[in-house]
Amino acid sequence: MKKRIVAYPAELIPDKGTYTVIFPDVPGAISQGNGIAEAISNGSEALGLILYDEKELPKPSDLESIKPDEPGTIINWIATDLDEIKRTVREPTVKKNTTIPGDLARMAEQKNINFSALLTDALKAKLNQ
């Protein structure tokens, strides 16, 4: 199975020992860290959280094309494993009350059908996901 590891150029912008991390090709991925190592690690996580469920990924720019605005900015590749991020993300759930015919409820309970799982699967199918 092919891994979904991606890498994008990042700007590590220094500020008194901390670094802000931005990705020119992925505007929503922003992070920071105390020191370069933490900034790169946090940047990898931010990148993964923005991209893990995207169907089409943005094309990464060449490092040479990135022209930082702030002096002292470090331009470097940052990679992330999108499959690993997806495994660790916990989507929030909401409780919904629903009404169904009593005979269907009894038959489903006798067959140990999980109502939440069934409704989730049905909604995904209906929404084409």
N, C-alpha and C. Protein backbone atom coordinates (compact mmCIF):
# COMPACT_ATOMS: atom_id res chain seq x y z
N MET A 1 0.84 -1.18 0.00
CA MET A 1 0.00 0.00 0.00
C MET A 1 0.89 1.25 0.00
N LYS A 2 0.58 2.15 -0.91
CA LYS A 2 1.36 3.37 -1.03
C LYS A 2 1.05 4.32 0.12
N LYS A 3 2.12 4.83 0.76
CA LYS A 3 1.94 5.81 1.84
C LYS A 3 1.60 7.16 1.24
N ARG A 4 0.86 7.94 2.01
CA ARG A 4 0.53 9.31 1.57
C ARG A 4 1.37 10.28 2.39
N ILE A 5 2.64 10.33 2.05
CA ILE A 5 3.55 11.29 2.69
C ILE A 5 3.76 12.43 1.70
N VAL A 6 3.53 13.64 2.18
CA VAL A 6 3.69 14.82 1.33
C VAL A 6 4.70 15.77 1.96
N ALA A 7 5.28 16.60 1.13
CA ALA A 7 6.22 17.62 1.62
C ALA A 7 5.92 18.94 0.90
N TYR A 8 5.96 20.02 1.67
CA TYR A 8 5.72 21.35 1.13
C TYR A 8 6.78 22.30 1.68
N PRO A 9 7.13 23.30 0.88
CA PRO A 9 8.06 24.31 1.40
C PRO A 9 7.38 25.15 2.48
N ALA A 10 8.15 25.43 3.51
CA ALA A 10 7.63 26.21 4.63
C ALA A 10 8.55 27.38 4.91
N GLU A 11 7.98 28.44 5.43
CA GLU A 11 8.75 29.58 5.92
C GLU A 11 8.76 29.49 7.44
N LEU A 12 9.95 29.45 8.02
CA LEU A 12 10.10 29.48 9.47
C LEU A 12 10.57 30.88 9.83
N ILE A 13 9.67 31.68 10.37
CA ILE A 13 9.92 33.09 10.62
C ILE A 13 10.33 33.27 12.08
N PRO A 14 11.57 33.74 12.32
CA PRO A 14 12.06 33.84 13.70
C PRO A 14 11.51 35.06 14.44
N ASP A 15 11.34 34.87 15.76
CA ASP A 15 10.93 35.97 16.63
C ASP A 15 11.34 35.63 18.06
N LYS A 16 12.50 36.10 18.48
CA LYS A 16 12.99 35.95 19.86
C LYS A 16 12.98 34.49 20.34
N GLY A 17 13.54 33.60 19.55
CA GLY A 17 13.65 32.20 19.94
C GLY A 17 12.50 31.32 19.52
N THR A 18 11.41 31.92 19.10
CA THR A 18 10.30 31.12 18.57
C THR A 18 10.26 31.29 17.06
N TYR A 19 9.57 30.37 16.42
CA TYR A 19 9.42 30.43 14.96
C TYR A 19 7.96 30.23 14.61
N THR A 20 7.47 31.09 13.74
CA THR A 20 6.15 30.91 13.16
C THR A 20 6.35 30.17 11.85
N VAL A 21 5.51 29.17 11.60
CA VAL A 21 5.63 28.35 10.40
C VAL A 21 4.42 28.60 9.52
N ILE A 22 4.70 29.00 8.28
CA ILE A 22 3.62 29.15 7.30
C ILE A 22 4.00 28.38 6.03
N PHE A 23 2.99 27.98 5.30
CA PHE A 23 3.17 27.23 4.06
C PHE A 23 2.55 28.04 2.93
N PRO A 24 3.36 28.62 2.04
CA PRO A 24 2.80 29.44 0.96
C PRO A 24 1.78 28.71 0.09
N ASP A 25 1.94 27.40 -0.08
CA ASP A 25 1.03 26.62 -0.92
C ASP A 25 -0.21 26.13 -0.17
N VAL A 26 -0.18 26.23 1.15
CA VAL A 26 -1.30 25.74 1.99
C VAL A 26 -1.60 26.83 3.02
N PRO A 27 -2.35 27.86 2.62
CA PRO A 27 -2.54 29.04 3.48
C PRO A 27 -3.09 28.77 4.87
N GLY A 28 -3.93 27.78 5.05
CA GLY A 28 -4.51 27.52 6.36
C GLY A 28 -3.59 26.83 7.35
N ALA A 29 -2.48 26.30 6.85
CA ALA A 29 -1.54 25.58 7.73
C ALA A 29 -0.57 26.58 8.34
N ILE A 30 -0.80 26.91 9.59
CA ILE A 30 0.03 27.86 10.32
C ILE A 30 0.33 27.26 11.69
N SER A 31 1.58 27.39 12.12
CA SER A 31 1.95 26.85 13.41
C SER A 31 3.10 27.68 13.96
N GLN A 32 3.58 27.27 15.13
CA GLN A 32 4.76 27.91 15.70
C GLN A 32 5.42 26.93 16.65
N GLY A 33 6.62 27.28 17.09
CA GLY A 33 7.31 26.43 18.04
C GLY A 33 8.46 27.18 18.68
N ASN A 34 8.84 26.71 19.87
CA ASN A 34 10.02 27.25 20.55
C ASN A 34 11.24 26.52 20.00
N GLY A 35 12.00 27.19 19.17
CA GLY A 35 13.14 26.57 18.52
C GLY A 35 12.74 25.92 17.21
N ILE A 36 13.76 25.63 16.40
CA ILE A 36 13.51 25.10 15.06
C ILE A 36 12.89 23.71 15.11
N ALA A 37 13.39 22.82 15.98
CA ALA A 37 12.89 21.44 16.01
C ALA A 37 11.40 21.41 16.33
N GLU A 38 10.98 22.14 17.35
CA GLU A 38 9.56 22.16 17.71
C GLU A 38 8.73 22.81 16.62
N ALA A 39 9.26 23.85 15.99
CA ALA A 39 8.53 24.52 14.91
C ALA A 39 8.31 23.57 13.73
N ILE A 40 9.33 22.80 13.38
CA ILE A 40 9.19 21.85 12.27
C ILE A 40 8.19 20.75 12.64
N SER A 41 8.28 20.23 13.85
CA SER A 41 7.35 19.19 14.29
C SER A 41 5.91 19.71 14.30
N ASN A 42 5.69 20.88 14.87
CA ASN A 42 4.35 21.46 14.91
C ASN A 42 3.86 21.82 13.50
N GLY A 43 4.78 22.27 12.66
CA GLY A 43 4.42 22.59 11.28
C GLY A 43 3.96 21.35 10.52
N SER A 44 4.64 20.23 10.76
CA SER A 44 4.26 18.98 10.12
C SER A 44 2.84 18.58 10.52
N GLU A 45 2.53 18.73 11.80
CA GLU A 45 1.19 18.39 12.28
C GLU A 45 0.14 19.33 11.68
N ALA A 46 0.42 20.64 11.66
CA ALA A 46 -0.52 21.61 11.10
C ALA A 46 -0.78 21.32 9.62
N LEU A 47 0.27 21.01 8.90
CA LEU A 47 0.15 20.68 7.48
C LEU A 47 -0.75 19.46 7.29
N GLY A 48 -0.51 18.42 8.09
CA GLY A 48 -1.31 17.21 7.99
C GLY A 48 -2.77 17.42 8.33
N LEU A 49 -3.03 18.23 9.36
CA LEU A 49 -4.41 18.47 9.77
C LEU A 49 -5.21 19.23 8.71
N ILE A 50 -4.54 20.07 7.96
CA ILE A 50 -5.23 20.80 6.89
C ILE A 50 -5.47 19.91 5.68
N LEU A 51 -4.52 19.01 5.37
CA LEU A 51 -4.56 18.27 4.11
C LEU A 51 -5.08 16.84 4.19
N TYR A 52 -5.19 16.24 5.38
CA TYR A 52 -5.42 14.79 5.46
C TYR A 52 -6.68 14.30 4.75
N ASP A 53 -7.72 15.13 4.66
CA ASP A 53 -8.95 14.68 4.02
C ASP A 53 -9.22 15.37 2.69
N GLU A 54 -8.23 16.06 2.15
CA GLU A 54 -8.39 16.72 0.86
C GLU A 54 -8.28 15.70 -0.28
N LYS A 55 -9.18 15.80 -1.23
CA LYS A 55 -9.15 14.90 -2.39
C LYS A 55 -8.04 15.30 -3.35
N GLU A 56 -7.91 16.61 -3.58
CA GLU A 56 -6.86 17.12 -4.47
C GLU A 56 -5.91 17.98 -3.65
N LEU A 57 -4.65 17.60 -3.67
CA LEU A 57 -3.64 18.34 -2.91
C LEU A 57 -3.04 19.45 -3.77
N PRO A 58 -2.71 20.59 -3.16
CA PRO A 58 -2.05 21.64 -3.93
C PRO A 58 -0.67 21.19 -4.39
N LYS A 59 -0.24 21.72 -5.51
CA LYS A 59 1.09 21.40 -6.03
C LYS A 59 2.13 22.18 -5.23
N PRO A 60 3.15 21.48 -4.70
CA PRO A 60 4.18 22.20 -3.94
C PRO A 60 5.05 23.06 -4.85
N SER A 61 5.39 24.24 -4.39
CA SER A 61 6.29 25.13 -5.12
C SER A 61 7.73 24.66 -4.96
N ASP A 62 8.60 25.15 -5.82
CA ASP A 62 10.03 24.92 -5.65
C ASP A 62 10.53 25.82 -4.53
N LEU A 63 11.51 25.34 -3.77
CA LEU A 63 12.08 26.15 -2.69
C LEU A 63 12.59 27.49 -3.21
N GLU A 64 13.18 27.46 -4.38
CA GLU A 64 13.79 28.68 -4.94
C GLU A 64 12.76 29.76 -5.25
N SER A 65 11.50 29.36 -5.43
CA SER A 65 10.47 30.34 -5.78
C SER A 65 9.90 31.06 -4.55
N ILE A 66 10.23 30.58 -3.36
CA ILE A 66 9.71 31.20 -2.13
C ILE A 66 10.59 32.38 -1.76
N LYS A 67 10.00 33.55 -1.70
CA LYS A 67 10.71 34.78 -1.35
C LYS A 67 10.11 35.35 -0.07
N PRO A 68 10.76 35.11 1.07
CA PRO A 68 10.18 35.55 2.35
C PRO A 68 10.20 37.07 2.50
N ASP A 69 9.23 37.57 3.27
CA ASP A 69 9.14 39.00 3.56
C ASP A 69 9.99 39.39 4.77
N GLU A 70 10.14 38.47 5.72
CA GLU A 70 10.84 38.77 6.97
C GLU A 70 12.31 38.38 6.88
N PRO A 71 13.21 39.25 7.35
CA PRO A 71 14.64 38.89 7.35
C PRO A 71 14.89 37.74 8.33
N GLY A 72 15.81 36.86 7.98
CA GLY A 72 16.17 35.73 8.83
C GLY A 72 15.26 34.53 8.68
N THR A 73 14.27 34.63 7.80
CA THR A 73 13.34 33.51 7.59
C THR A 73 14.08 32.34 6.95
N ILE A 74 13.80 31.16 7.49
CA ILE A 74 14.38 29.92 6.96
C ILE A 74 13.34 29.28 6.04
N ILE A 75 13.75 28.89 4.85
CA ILE A 75 12.89 28.19 3.91
C ILE A 75 13.34 26.74 3.91
N ASN A 76 12.41 25.82 4.18
CA ASN A 76 12.77 24.41 4.25
C ASN A 76 11.55 23.56 3.91
N TRP A 77 11.80 22.34 3.46
CA TRP A 77 10.72 21.39 3.24
C TRP A 77 10.25 20.86 4.59
N ILE A 78 8.95 20.69 4.73
CA ILE A 78 8.38 20.00 5.88
C ILE A 78 7.44 18.92 5.34
N ALA A 79 7.62 17.70 5.84
CA ALA A 79 6.83 16.56 5.39
C ALA A 79 5.83 16.15 6.47
N THR A 80 4.79 15.46 6.03
CA THR A 80 3.81 14.90 6.95
C THR A 80 3.22 13.64 6.34
N ASP A 81 2.81 12.72 7.19
CA ASP A 81 2.19 11.47 6.77
C ASP A 81 0.67 11.63 6.92
N LEU A 82 -0.02 11.81 5.79
CA LEU A 82 -1.45 12.09 5.83
C LEU A 82 -2.26 10.91 6.38
N ASP A 83 -1.80 9.68 6.13
CA ASP A 83 -2.51 8.52 6.67
C ASP A 83 -2.39 8.45 8.18
N GLU A 84 -1.21 8.78 8.70
CA GLU A 84 -1.01 8.77 10.15
C GLU A 84 -1.88 9.85 10.82
N ILE A 85 -1.92 11.02 10.22
CA ILE A 85 -2.77 12.10 10.76
C ILE A 85 -4.23 11.66 10.76
N LYS A 86 -4.68 11.06 9.65
CA LYS A 86 -6.07 10.63 9.56
C LYS A 86 -6.41 9.61 10.65
N ARG A 87 -5.46 8.72 10.97
CA ARG A 87 -5.70 7.73 12.02
C ARG A 87 -5.85 8.37 13.40
N THR A 88 -5.20 9.50 13.61
CA THR A 88 -5.20 10.11 14.93
C THR A 88 -6.29 11.16 15.12
N VAL A 89 -6.87 11.64 14.03
CA VAL A 89 -7.91 12.67 14.13
C VAL A 89 -9.20 12.04 14.64
N ARG A 90 -9.80 12.69 15.58
CA ARG A 90 -11.09 12.24 16.11
C ARG A 90 -12.14 13.26 15.70
N GLU A 91 -12.99 12.84 14.79
CA GLU A 91 -14.06 13.71 14.33
C GLU A 91 -15.07 13.88 15.47
N PRO A 92 -15.55 15.10 15.70
CA PRO A 92 -16.56 15.29 16.74
C PRO A 92 -17.87 14.62 16.32
N THR A 93 -18.59 14.11 17.28
CA THR A 93 -19.89 13.51 17.01
C THR A 93 -20.97 14.34 17.71
N VAL A 94 -22.17 14.25 17.18
CA VAL A 94 -23.30 14.93 17.79
C VAL A 94 -24.41 13.93 17.99
N LYS A 95 -25.18 14.14 19.02
CA LYS A 95 -26.31 13.25 19.30
C LYS A 95 -27.54 13.80 18.59
N LYS A 96 -28.22 12.92 17.86
CA LYS A 96 -29.45 13.30 17.16
C LYS A 96 -30.55 12.34 17.57
N ASN A 97 -31.67 12.89 17.95
CA ASN A 97 -32.84 12.05 18.23
C ASN A 97 -33.59 11.86 16.92
N THR A 98 -34.09 10.66 16.70
CA THR A 98 -34.83 10.38 15.48
C THR A 98 -36.05 9.54 15.82
N THR A 99 -37.02 9.57 14.95
CA THR A 99 -38.24 8.80 15.16
C THR A 99 -38.39 7.80 14.02
N ILE A 100 -38.61 6.53 14.39
CA ILE A 100 -38.83 5.49 13.39
C ILE A 100 -40.03 4.65 13.84
N PRO A 101 -40.64 3.92 12.92
CA PRO A 101 -41.77 3.06 13.31
C PRO A 101 -41.34 2.04 14.36
N GLY A 102 -42.23 1.79 15.32
CA GLY A 102 -41.92 0.89 16.43
C GLY A 102 -41.58 -0.51 15.99
N ASP A 103 -42.29 -1.05 14.97
CA ASP A 103 -41.99 -2.41 14.54
C ASP A 103 -40.60 -2.52 13.95
N LEU A 104 -40.15 -1.49 13.22
CA LEU A 104 -38.78 -1.50 12.69
C LEU A 104 -37.76 -1.45 13.81
N ALA A 105 -38.02 -0.64 14.82
CA ALA A 105 -37.10 -0.55 15.95
C ALA A 105 -36.97 -1.89 16.65
N ARG A 106 -38.08 -2.58 16.88
CA ARG A 106 -38.03 -3.89 17.55
C ARG A 106 -37.27 -4.91 16.73
N MET A 107 -37.55 -4.97 15.43
CA MET A 107 -36.86 -5.94 14.56
C MET A 107 -35.36 -5.65 14.51
N ALA A 108 -35.00 -4.37 14.43
CA ALA A 108 -33.58 -4.00 14.39
C ALA A 108 -32.88 -4.35 15.69
N GLU A 109 -33.55 -4.10 16.81
CA GLU A 109 -32.97 -4.45 18.11
C GLU A 109 -32.78 -5.95 18.25
N GLN A 110 -33.73 -6.75 17.75
CA GLN A 110 -33.61 -8.21 17.81
C GLN A 110 -32.41 -8.70 17.00
N LYS A 111 -32.06 -7.98 15.97
CA LYS A 111 -30.92 -8.36 15.13
C LYS A 111 -29.64 -7.63 15.55
N ASN A 112 -29.67 -6.95 16.70
CA ASN A 112 -28.52 -6.22 17.24
C ASN A 112 -27.93 -5.21 16.25
N ILE A 113 -28.79 -4.51 15.56
CA ILE A 113 -28.34 -3.49 14.61
C ILE A 113 -27.99 -2.22 15.38
N ASN A 114 -26.83 -1.67 15.10
CA ASN A 114 -26.37 -0.44 15.72
C ASN A 114 -27.00 0.74 14.96
N PHE A 115 -27.93 1.43 15.59
CA PHE A 115 -28.66 2.50 14.93
C PHE A 115 -27.73 3.63 14.48
N SER A 116 -26.78 4.00 15.32
CA SER A 116 -25.87 5.10 14.98
C SER A 116 -25.02 4.75 13.76
N ALA A 117 -24.49 3.53 13.74
CA ALA A 117 -23.65 3.11 12.60
C ALA A 117 -24.47 3.03 11.33
N LEU A 118 -25.68 2.51 11.44
CA LEU A 118 -26.55 2.40 10.27
C LEU A 118 -26.91 3.78 9.71
N LEU A 119 -27.27 4.70 10.60
CA LEU A 119 -27.62 6.04 10.15
C LEU A 119 -26.40 6.75 9.54
N THR A 120 -25.24 6.58 10.14
CA THR A 120 -24.03 7.18 9.60
C THR A 120 -23.75 6.65 8.20
N ASP A 121 -23.81 5.33 8.03
CA ASP A 121 -23.57 4.72 6.71
C ASP A 121 -24.59 5.20 5.69
N ALA A 122 -25.85 5.28 6.09
CA ALA A 122 -26.91 5.71 5.18
C ALA A 122 -26.71 7.17 4.76
N LEU A 123 -26.34 8.02 5.71
CA LEU A 123 -26.10 9.43 5.38
C LEU A 123 -24.91 9.59 4.46
N LYS A 124 -23.85 8.85 4.70
CA LYS A 124 -22.68 8.92 3.82
C LYS A 124 -23.05 8.48 2.41
N ALA A 125 -23.82 7.40 2.28
CA ALA A 125 -24.23 6.93 0.97
C ALA A 125 -25.11 7.97 0.28
N LYS A 126 -26.03 8.54 1.02
CA LYS A 126 -26.94 9.55 0.46
C LYS A 126 -26.18 10.80 0.01
N LEU A 127 -25.14 11.15 0.76
CA LEU A 127 -24.35 12.35 0.44
C LEU A 127 -23.17 12.04 -0.48
N ASN A 128 -23.06 10.79 -0.92
CA ASN A 128 -21.98 10.36 -1.83
C ASN A 128 -20.60 10.59 -1.26
N GLN A 129 -20.37 10.18 -0.02
CA GLN A 129 -19.03 10.35 0.57
C GLN A 129 -18.37 9.02 0.74
